[in-house]
C-alpha atoms as a PDB file:
ATOM      1  CA  MET A   1      -7.466  -5.071   5.985  1.00  0.00           C
ATOM      2  CA  THR A   2      -5.419  -6.635   8.737  1.00  0.00           C
ATOM      3  CA  SER A   3      -3.017  -4.662  10.866  1.00  0.00           C
ATOM      4  CA  ILE A   4       0.617  -5.358  11.546  1.00  0.00           C
ATOM      5  CA  THR A   5       0.856  -7.502  14.643  1.00  0.00           C
ATOM      6  CA  PRO A   6       3.784  -9.012  16.498  1.00  0.00           C
ATOM      7  CA  SER A   7       2.834 -12.409  15.090  1.00  0.00           C
ATOM      8  CA  SER A   8       2.966 -11.110  11.504  1.00  0.00           C
ATOM      9  CA  LEU A   9       6.367  -9.542  12.175  1.00  0.00           C
ATOM     10  CA  LEU A  10       7.570 -12.862  13.590  1.00  0.00           C
ATOM     11  CA  ALA A  11       6.241 -14.628  10.491  1.00  0.00           C
ATOM     12  CA  MET A  12       8.210 -12.243   8.268  1.00  0.00           C
ATOM     13  CA  ARG A  13      11.296 -12.827  10.410  1.00  0.00           C
ATOM     14  CA  SER A  14      10.951 -16.596  10.093  1.00  0.00           C
ATOM     15  CA  ALA A  15      10.563 -16.233   6.307  1.00  0.00           C
ATOM     16  CA  ILE A  16      13.808 -14.250   6.207  1.00  0.00           C
ATOM     17  CA  LEU A  17      15.569 -16.876   8.320  1.00  0.00           C
ATOM     18  CA  GLN A  18      14.297 -19.670   6.066  1.00  0.00           C
ATOM     19  CA  GLN A  19      15.587 -17.882   2.972  1.00  0.00           C
ATOM     20  CA  ASN A  20      18.918 -17.310   4.704  1.00  0.00           C
ATOM     21  CA  SER A  21      19.292 -20.966   5.681  1.00  0.00           C
ATOM     22  CA  ALA A  22      18.369 -22.067   2.149  1.00  0.00           C
ATOM     23  CA  LEU A  23      21.074 -19.797   0.734  1.00  0.00           C
ATOM     24  CA  GLN A  24      23.614 -21.092   3.239  1.00  0.00           C
ATOM     25  CA  LYS A  25      22.775 -24.709   2.371  1.00  0.00           C
ATOM     26  CA  ALA A  26      23.054 -23.985  -1.343  1.00  0.00           C
ATOM     27  CA  ALA A  27      26.395 -22.241  -0.880  1.00  0.00           C
ATOM     28  CA  GLY A  28      27.692 -25.073   1.324  1.00  0.00           C
ATOM     29  CA  ALA A  29      26.521 -27.838  -1.037  1.00  0.00           C
ATOM     30  CA  GLY A  30      28.984 -26.837  -3.746  1.00  0.00           C
ATOM     31  CA  GLY A  31      32.011 -26.916  -1.456  1.00  0.00           C
ATOM     32  CA  VAL A  32      35.127 -24.904  -2.197  1.00  0.00           C
ATOM     33  CA  GLY A  33      35.633 -26.175  -5.726  1.00  0.00           C
ATOM     34  CA  GLY A  34      32.038 -27.180  -6.427  1.00  0.00           C
ATOM     35  CA  THR A  35      30.070 -26.025  -9.430  1.00  0.00           C
ATOM     36  CA  SER A  36      26.606 -26.165  -7.868  1.00  0.00           C
ATOM     37  CA  PRO A  37      24.870 -22.899  -8.765  1.00  0.00           C
ATOM     38  CA  VAL A  38      23.123 -20.917  -6.066  1.00  0.00           C
ATOM     39  CA  GLY A  39      20.539 -20.040  -8.698  1.00  0.00           C
ATOM     40  CA  GLY A  40      19.384 -23.661  -8.572  1.00  0.00           C
ATOM     41  CA  ILE A  41      17.007 -22.776  -5.763  1.00  0.00           C
ATOM     42  CA  ALA A  42      13.507 -22.764  -7.163  1.00  0.00           C
ATOM     43  CA  PRO A  43      11.717 -19.485  -6.431  1.00  0.00           C
ATOM     44  CA  THR A  44       8.415 -19.742  -4.643  1.00  0.00           C
ATOM     45  CA  THR A  45       5.419 -18.687  -6.687  1.00  0.00           C
ATOM     46  CA  ASP A  46       2.851 -18.625  -3.919  1.00  0.00           C
ATOM     47  CA  SER A  47       2.116 -15.589  -1.775  1.00  0.00           C
ATOM     48  CA  THR A  48       3.382 -17.258   1.404  1.00  0.00           C
ATOM     49  CA  GLY A  49       7.022 -16.708   0.479  1.00  0.00           C
ATOM     50  CA  PHE A  50       9.232 -13.818   1.448  1.00  0.00           C
ATOM     51  CA  THR A  51       8.102 -11.668  -1.464  1.00  0.00           C
ATOM     52  CA  GLY A  52       4.459 -12.138  -0.555  1.00  0.00           C
ATOM     53  CA  ALA A  53       5.145 -11.350   3.085  1.00  0.00           C
ATOM     54  CA  MET A  54       7.015  -8.172   2.181  1.00  0.00           C
ATOM     55  CA  LYS A  55       4.325  -7.058  -0.256  1.00  0.00           C
ATOM     56  CA  SER A  56       1.635  -7.678   2.339  1.00  0.00           C
ATOM     57  CA  ALA A  57       3.567  -5.779   5.011  1.00  0.00           C
ATOM     58  CA  LEU A  58       4.130  -2.811   2.696  1.00  0.00           C
ATOM     59  CA  GLU A  59       0.442  -2.752   1.802  1.00  0.00           C
ATOM     60  CA  GLN A  60      -0.439  -2.771   5.502  1.00  0.00           C
ATOM     61  CA  VAL A  61       1.930   0.124   6.221  1.00  0.00           C
ATOM     62  CA  ASN A  62       0.463   2.043   3.284  1.00  0.00           C
ATOM     63  CA  GLY A  63      -3.026   1.376   4.627  1.00  0.00           C
ATOM     64  CA  LEU A  64      -2.046   2.600   8.089  1.00  0.00           C
ATOM     65  CA  GLN A  65      -0.624   5.799   6.632  1.00  0.00           C
ATOM     66  CA  SER A  66      -3.726   6.373   4.513  1.00  0.00           C
ATOM     67  CA  LYS A  67      -5.965   5.818   7.533  1.00  0.00           C
ATOM     68  CA  ALA A  68      -3.883   8.219   9.644  1.00  0.00           C
ATOM     69  CA  GLU A  69      -4.107  10.850   6.918  1.00  0.00           C
ATOM     70  CA  ALA A  70      -7.875  10.397   6.633  1.00  0.00           C
ATOM     71  CA  VAL A  71      -8.366  10.694  10.398  1.00  0.00           C
ATOM     72  CA  THR A  72      -6.133  13.779  10.502  1.00  0.00           C
ATOM     73  CA  ASN A  73      -8.038  15.426   7.643  1.00  0.00           C
ATOM     74  CA  SER A  74     -11.317  14.597   9.361  1.00  0.00           C
ATOM     75  CA  TYR A  75     -10.098  16.271  12.548  1.00  0.00           C
ATOM     76  CA  GLU A  76      -8.896  19.334  10.628  1.00  0.00           C
ATOM     77  CA  ARG A  77     -12.319  19.699   8.975  1.00  0.00           C
ATOM     78  CA  GLY A  78     -14.007  19.474  12.376  1.00  0.00           C
ATOM     79  CA  GLU A  79     -15.839  16.238  11.624  1.00  0.00           C
ATOM     80  CA  THR A  80     -14.377  14.563  14.705  1.00  0.00           C
ATOM     81  CA  THR A  81     -13.139  15.918  18.016  1.00  0.00           C
ATOM     82  CA  ASP A  82     -11.280  12.849  19.252  1.00  0.00           C
ATOM     83  CA  ILE A  83      -7.676  14.063  19.228  1.00  0.00           C
ATOM     84  CA  ALA A  84      -6.584  10.883  21.010  1.00  0.00           C
ATOM     85  CA  GLN A  85      -7.756   8.781  18.057  1.00  0.00           C
ATOM     86  CA  VAL A  86      -5.913  11.090  15.652  1.00  0.00           C
ATOM     87  CA  MET A  87      -2.674  10.846  17.602  1.00  0.00           C
ATOM     88  CA  LEU A  88      -3.049   7.092  18.062  1.00  0.00           C
ATOM     89  CA  SER A  89      -3.570   6.444  14.360  1.00  0.00           C
ATOM     90  CA  ARG A  90      -0.632   8.697  13.427  1.00  0.00           C
ATOM     91  CA  GLU A  91       1.631   6.953  15.933  1.00  0.00           C
ATOM     92  CA  HIS A  92       0.496   3.528  14.706  1.00  0.00           C
ATOM     93  CA  ALA A  93       1.394   4.540  11.141  1.00  0.00           C
ATOM     94  CA  SER A  94       4.725   5.908  12.328  1.00  0.00           C
ATOM     95  CA  VAL A  95       5.642   2.682  14.125  1.00  0.00           C
ATOM     96  CA  GLY A  96       4.754   0.659  11.039  1.00  0.00           C
ATOM     97  CA  PHE A  97       6.867   2.915   8.846  1.00  0.00           C
ATOM     98  CA  GLN A  98       9.831   2.751  11.232  1.00  0.00           C
ATOM     99  CA  ALA A  99       9.625  -1.050  11.270  1.00  0.00           C
ATOM    100  CA  THR A 100       9.624  -1.028   7.461  1.00  0.00           C
ATOM    101  CA  LEU A 101      12.720   1.179   7.453  1.00  0.00           C
ATOM    102  CA  GLN A 102      14.500  -1.204   9.815  1.00  0.00           C
ATOM    103  CA  VAL A 103      13.691  -4.185   7.589  1.00  0.00           C
ATOM    104  CA  ARG A 104      14.982  -2.241   4.590  1.00  0.00           C
ATOM    105  CA  ASN A 105      18.185  -1.356   6.433  1.00  0.00           C
ATOM    106  CA  LYS A 106      18.766  -4.997   7.409  1.00  0.00           C
ATOM    107  CA  LEU A 107      18.159  -6.159   3.840  1.00  0.00           C
ATOM    108  CA  LEU A 108      20.613  -3.587   2.478  1.00  0.00           C
ATOM    109  CA  SER A 109      23.173  -4.590   5.072  1.00  0.00           C
ATOM    110  CA  ALA A 110      22.775  -8.262   4.171  1.00  0.00           C
ATOM    111  CA  TYR A 111      23.083  -7.431   0.467  1.00  0.00           C
ATOM    112  CA  LYS A 112      26.283  -5.466   1.083  1.00  0.00           C
ATOM    113  CA  ASP A 113      27.691  -8.348   3.142  1.00  0.00           C
ATOM    114  CA  ILE A 114      26.911 -10.839   0.391  1.00  0.00           C
ATOM    115  CA  MET A 115      28.374  -8.616  -2.314  1.00  0.00           C
ATOM    116  CA  SER A 116      31.600  -8.149  -0.355  1.00  0.00           C
ATOM    117  CA  MET A 117      32.137 -11.910   0.041  1.00  0.00           C
ATOM    118  CA  PRO A 118      35.001 -13.303  -2.017  1.00  0.00           C
ATOM    119  CA  VAL A 119      33.999 -15.612  -4.843  1.00  0.00           C
END
């Protein structure tokens, strides 16, 4: 399983920006009195889209948390004595989780902004 890297976070960011620009183009194509539906944008079915990127990121965060729990349990049972590795894996999982929370907060904020726009 791959870990969350700055390049994967940048890839997710670019996917979000691409979706945002597509929505802006679709909204601008109809004009003020236009009847062009925003729903006319064809959803992507491959795993390289935004949904695939989010699913992959969530799976990575889940994997990091599972690994941190396993390392912690191993330390508690006395199977390993490397406390630095335990703390490092727990912090890595924590950073991944915090990044996920920030993405969620931004998505909720964007949703609220869109819902408050006049029709």
